[in-house]
Amino acid sequence: MDWILWGVLPYLVIALLIGGTIWRYRYDKFGWTTRSSELYESRLLRIGSPLFHFGILVVIIGHAIGLVIPESWTEFFGISENLYHLNSAFFGLIAGICTLTGLAILVYRRRTTGPVFMATTRNDKVMYIVLTAALLLGFYCTLLGALPDQKGVNYRETVSPWFRSIFYFRPDVEAMNNAPLRFHIHVLVGMLVFAAVPFTRLVHMFTAPVHYLFRPYIVYRSRDRQSVPGNQQYRRGWAPVGVKDRER
């Protein structure tokens, strides 16, 4: 069972994530969206959405640092294990509070705003449950790891080596077995989140409006003199971009 959970399941999740995303892009491009409901309600959305997205961004960066960067690298740059865990707990708790608060606001908005609730599918409800469970478990692990009597628990000696070994195609099952139970549950729920990404609105995390940086300017034509009724004075307005001013 340990080999199935920590040696086989991660590759199944990766295959499902990549294959499902490709399938979704090829056969459901018009469904590749968050199905924005801003038109129905915007006050709570303006509060909850930034809290959630900025918080989850810090959470992802924190996970990337903790899982990808080996402990020996941080020690080489003079960052002690105590200092690392202190910063990890501080920023992790702040990011966790922001993310959970933002998610709570978004769920409350979706439940109490009629049109938004009517637009909520069963798929969305399952996604919210799984995502909330993953965040709560991560917050619990961070909070418990910040307590003084938990200094002996170092996930960078168990979970992190196992995570990196997956990409070496040599899963270190033994390292993951040595991690506390709470990390086992958190990792399993996290894998469930990644497996669900291609089939939920979470797929929009792979979409960034990069083309906005390269799209051409929008050129506005000035109003023609003949369209001004009567003897009303003609107002030139803004000069069009790249077009010679007709008054010169």
Protein backbone atom coordinates (compact mmCIF):
# COMPACT_ATOMS: atom_id res chain seq x y z
CA MET A 1 0.00 0.00 0.00
CA ASP A 2 2.84 2.43 0.77
CA TRP A 3 4.37 1.78 -2.63
CA ILE A 4 1.01 2.36 -4.33
CA LEU A 5 0.38 5.63 -2.46
CA TRP A 6 3.86 7.16 -2.73
CA GLY A 7 5.37 5.32 -5.70
CA VAL A 8 2.54 4.81 -8.19
CA LEU A 9 -0.22 7.31 -7.36
CA PRO A 10 1.93 10.44 -7.99
CA TYR A 11 2.58 9.35 -11.59
CA LEU A 12 -1.10 8.63 -12.13
CA VAL A 13 -1.93 12.13 -10.88
CA ILE A 14 0.72 13.70 -13.16
CA ALA A 15 -0.59 11.73 -16.16
CA LEU A 16 -4.16 12.77 -15.35
CA LEU A 17 -3.12 16.40 -14.90
CA ILE A 18 -1.24 16.61 -18.21
CA GLY A 19 -3.55 14.39 -20.24
CA GLY A 20 -6.71 15.94 -18.82
CA THR A 21 -5.45 19.46 -19.48
CA ILE A 22 -4.63 18.61 -23.11
CA TRP A 23 -8.03 16.99 -23.54
CA ARG A 24 -9.80 19.97 -22.01
CA TYR A 25 -7.93 22.40 -24.26
CA ARG A 26 -8.69 20.42 -27.41
CA TYR A 27 -12.34 19.63 -26.78
CA ASP A 28 -13.59 22.31 -24.39
CA LYS A 29 -11.86 25.57 -25.25
CA PHE A 30 -15.04 27.57 -24.67
CA GLY A 31 -15.38 26.02 -21.23
CA TRP A 32 -11.81 26.99 -20.30
CA THR A 33 -12.98 29.80 -18.08
CA THR A 34 -13.75 30.76 -14.51
CA ARG A 35 -17.35 31.52 -15.53
CA SER A 36 -17.11 34.97 -14.04
CA SER A 37 -20.11 36.14 -12.02
CA GLU A 38 -18.98 39.73 -11.48
CA LEU A 39 -22.09 41.05 -13.19
CA TYR A 40 -24.27 39.50 -10.48
CA GLU A 41 -22.30 40.77 -7.48
CA SER A 42 -19.06 42.72 -7.27
CA ARG A 43 -18.72 44.12 -3.73
CA LEU A 44 -17.76 40.86 -2.00
CA LEU A 45 -15.89 39.69 -5.09
CA ARG A 46 -13.58 42.72 -4.93
CA ILE A 47 -12.63 41.72 -1.38
CA GLY A 48 -12.55 37.94 -1.51
CA SER A 49 -10.91 37.41 -4.90
CA PRO A 50 -7.69 39.41 -4.27
CA LEU A 51 -7.33 37.89 -0.79
CA PHE A 52 -7.66 34.38 -2.16
CA HIS A 53 -5.49 34.79 -5.26
CA PHE A 54 -2.63 36.67 -3.61
CA GLY A 55 -2.74 34.29 -0.65
CA ILE A 56 -2.71 31.17 -2.81
CA LEU A 57 0.17 32.62 -4.84
CA VAL A 58 2.28 32.93 -1.67
CA VAL A 59 1.22 29.41 -0.66
CA ILE A 60 2.39 28.02 -4.01
CA ILE A 61 5.70 29.88 -3.81
CA GLY A 62 6.23 28.63 -0.25
CA HIS A 63 5.54 25.04 -1.28
CA ALA A 64 7.91 25.37 -4.25
CA ILE A 65 10.71 26.64 -2.00
CA GLY A 66 10.16 24.03 0.69
CA LEU A 67 9.80 21.05 -1.65
CA VAL A 68 12.21 21.87 -4.49
CA ILE A 69 15.15 23.57 -2.74
CA PRO A 70 17.21 21.07 -0.70
CA GLU A 71 18.04 21.79 2.90
CA SER A 72 21.77 21.82 2.10
CA TRP A 73 21.31 24.74 -0.30
CA THR A 74 19.76 27.03 2.29
CA GLU A 75 22.43 26.06 4.81
CA PHE A 76 25.11 26.93 2.22
CA PHE A 77 23.73 30.48 2.05
CA GLY A 78 23.81 30.81 5.85
CA ILE A 79 20.11 30.19 6.49
CA SER A 80 19.83 27.98 9.54
CA GLU A 81 17.08 25.41 9.90
CA ASN A 82 15.55 27.36 12.79
CA LEU A 83 15.50 30.61 10.77
CA TYR A 84 14.03 28.83 7.77
CA HIS A 85 11.17 27.31 9.75
CA LEU A 86 10.53 30.59 11.55
CA ASN A 87 10.10 32.45 8.25
CA SER A 88 8.16 29.56 6.77
CA ALA A 89 5.73 29.55 9.70
CA PHE A 90 5.36 33.35 9.71
CA PHE A 91 4.66 33.82 6.01
CA GLY A 92 2.78 30.52 5.79
CA LEU A 93 0.34 31.50 8.51
CA ILE A 94 -0.24 34.94 6.98
CA ALA A 95 -0.77 33.43 3.52
CA GLY A 96 -3.03 30.74 4.98
CA ILE A 97 -5.20 33.27 6.81
CA CYS A 98 -5.54 35.42 3.67
CA THR A 99 -6.34 32.45 1.46
CA LEU A 100 -8.89 30.90 3.81
CA THR A 101 -10.51 34.28 4.50
CA GLY A 102 -10.78 35.03 0.79
CA LEU A 103 -12.18 31.57 0.09
CA ALA A 104 -14.71 31.92 2.91
CA ILE A 105 -15.89 35.25 1.45
CA LEU A 106 -16.20 33.74 -2.02
CA VAL A 107 -18.15 30.73 -0.73
CA TYR A 108 -20.43 33.00 1.35
CA ARG A 109 -21.01 35.20 -1.71
CA ARG A 110 -21.80 32.20 -3.86
CA ARG A 111 -24.22 30.81 -1.28
CA THR A 112 -26.08 34.03 -0.44
CA THR A 113 -26.25 35.71 -3.86
CA GLY A 114 -29.16 34.18 -5.78
CA PRO A 115 -27.90 34.41 -9.38
CA VAL A 116 -24.39 33.32 -8.37
CA PHE A 117 -25.76 30.35 -6.46
CA MET A 118 -27.94 29.35 -9.41
CA ALA A 119 -24.84 29.37 -11.64
CA THR A 120 -22.96 27.06 -9.24
CA THR A 121 -22.66 23.49 -10.51
CA ARG A 122 -22.07 20.26 -8.58
CA ASN A 123 -18.59 20.29 -10.05
CA ASP A 124 -17.98 23.68 -8.38
CA LYS A 125 -19.25 22.45 -5.02
CA VAL A 126 -16.96 19.41 -5.04
CA MET A 127 -14.05 21.61 -6.08
CA TYR A 128 -14.67 24.01 -3.19
CA ILE A 129 -14.83 21.14 -0.69
CA VAL A 130 -11.57 19.53 -1.88
CA LEU A 131 -9.75 22.86 -2.11
CA THR A 132 -10.91 23.93 1.34
CA ALA A 133 -9.80 20.59 2.81
CA ALA A 134 -6.33 20.94 1.27
CA LEU A 135 -5.96 24.50 2.58
CA LEU A 136 -7.17 23.64 6.08
CA LEU A 137 -4.80 20.67 6.29
CA GLY A 138 -1.90 22.79 5.07
CA PHE A 139 -2.74 25.51 7.58
CA TYR A 140 -2.93 22.89 10.34
CA CYS A 141 0.48 21.45 9.41
CA THR A 142 2.02 24.94 9.35
CA LEU A 143 0.42 25.93 12.66
CA LEU A 144 1.42 22.71 14.38
CA GLY A 145 4.96 22.96 13.00
CA ALA A 146 5.32 26.42 14.53
CA LEU A 147 4.81 25.11 18.06
CA PRO A 148 7.95 24.74 20.21
CA ASP A 149 7.49 21.02 20.86
CA GLN A 150 7.38 20.25 17.13
CA LYS A 151 10.97 21.18 16.33
CA GLY A 152 11.88 17.54 15.79
CA VAL A 153 9.50 17.29 12.81
CA ASN A 154 11.28 18.42 9.67
CA TYR A 155 9.35 17.84 6.44
CA ARG A 156 12.46 18.83 4.46
CA GLU A 157 13.99 15.50 5.49
CA THR A 158 10.94 13.43 4.56
CA VAL A 159 8.34 14.98 2.24
CA SER A 160 10.77 17.14 0.25
CA PRO A 161 13.21 14.32 -0.72
CA TRP A 162 10.21 12.16 -1.68
CA PHE A 163 8.77 14.95 -3.84
CA ARG A 164 12.06 15.51 -5.69
CA SER A 165 12.62 11.77 -6.13
CA ILE A 166 9.40 11.55 -8.16
CA PHE A 167 11.01 13.58 -10.94
CA TYR A 168 14.11 11.37 -10.80
CA PHE A 169 11.79 8.38 -11.44
CA ARG A 170 13.09 6.81 -8.23
CA PRO A 171 10.34 7.44 -5.63
CA ASP A 172 11.78 7.52 -2.11
CA VAL A 173 8.88 5.73 -0.48
CA GLU A 174 10.78 5.21 2.75
CA ALA A 175 11.31 8.96 3.21
CA MET A 176 7.59 9.62 2.85
CA ASN A 177 6.76 6.81 5.27
CA ASN A 178 8.81 8.59 7.93
CA ALA A 179 6.66 11.73 7.69
CA PRO A 180 3.87 12.30 10.25
CA LEU A 181 0.34 11.21 9.42
CA ARG A 182 -0.87 14.79 8.95
CA PHE A 183 1.57 15.22 6.05
CA HIS A 184 0.34 11.97 4.50
CA ILE A 185 -3.25 13.21 4.53
CA HIS A 186 -2.26 16.67 3.29
CA VAL A 187 -0.28 15.22 0.36
CA LEU A 188 -3.11 12.86 -0.62
CA VAL A 189 -5.69 15.66 -0.63
CA GLY A 190 -3.21 17.86 -2.52
CA MET A 191 -2.85 15.19 -5.21
CA LEU A 192 -6.64 15.02 -5.41
CA VAL A 193 -6.72 18.77 -6.07
CA PHE A 194 -4.19 18.46 -8.92
CA ALA A 195 -6.10 15.53 -10.40
CA ALA A 196 -9.28 17.63 -10.41
CA VAL A 197 -7.69 20.72 -12.00
CA PRO A 198 -8.33 19.79 -15.67
CA PHE A 199 -12.00 19.06 -15.01
CA THR A 200 -12.93 22.11 -12.93
CA ARG A 201 -12.68 25.87 -13.19
CA LEU A 202 -9.25 25.57 -11.55
CA VAL A 203 -7.90 24.91 -15.05
CA HIS A 204 -7.76 28.67 -15.57
CA MET A 205 -4.57 28.66 -13.46
CA PHE A 206 -2.74 27.65 -16.65
CA THR A 207 -4.10 30.65 -18.54
CA ALA A 208 -2.37 34.02 -18.45
CA PRO A 209 -3.30 37.04 -20.64
CA VAL A 210 0.21 37.26 -22.12
CA HIS A 211 -1.16 38.40 -25.49
CA TYR A 212 -2.28 41.64 -23.84
CA LEU A 213 1.38 42.71 -23.82
CA PHE A 214 1.66 42.37 -27.60
CA ARG A 215 -1.75 43.40 -28.92
CA PRO A 216 -1.81 46.56 -31.07
CA TYR A 217 -3.04 49.91 -29.89
CA ILE A 218 -6.73 50.65 -30.22
CA VAL A 219 -7.10 53.56 -32.66
CA TYR A 220 -10.12 55.84 -32.25
CA ARG A 221 -11.22 57.85 -35.29
CA SER A 222 -12.07 61.46 -34.68
CA ARG A 223 -15.63 62.62 -35.38
CA ASP A 224 -16.17 63.93 -38.90
CA ARG A 225 -17.01 67.65 -39.26
CA GLN A 226 -20.04 66.84 -41.40
CA SER A 227 -21.58 64.78 -38.60
CA VAL A 228 -21.74 67.82 -36.27
CA PRO A 229 -25.31 69.20 -36.47
CA GLY A 230 -26.03 72.89 -37.15
CA ASN A 231 -23.40 75.46 -36.31
CA GLN A 232 -22.09 73.58 -33.28
CA GLN A 233 -18.38 74.09 -32.89
CA TYR A 234 -16.34 71.07 -33.90
CA ARG A 235 -14.25 69.53 -31.10
CA ARG A 236 -11.16 67.73 -32.23
CA GLY A 237 -10.78 65.50 -29.16
CA TRP A 238 -7.82 63.15 -28.94
CA ALA A 239 -5.51 62.95 -31.94
CA PRO A 240 -5.60 59.44 -33.48
CA VAL A 241 -2.47 57.35 -33.07
CA GLY A 242 -0.43 57.13 -36.29
CA VAL A 243 -2.97 59.21 -38.27
CA LYS A 244 -2.19 62.68 -39.54
CA ASP A 245 -4.30 65.37 -37.92
CA ARG A 246 -6.77 66.56 -40.56
CA GLU A 247 -6.76 70.13 -39.22
CA ARG A 248 -3.08 70.65 -40.10
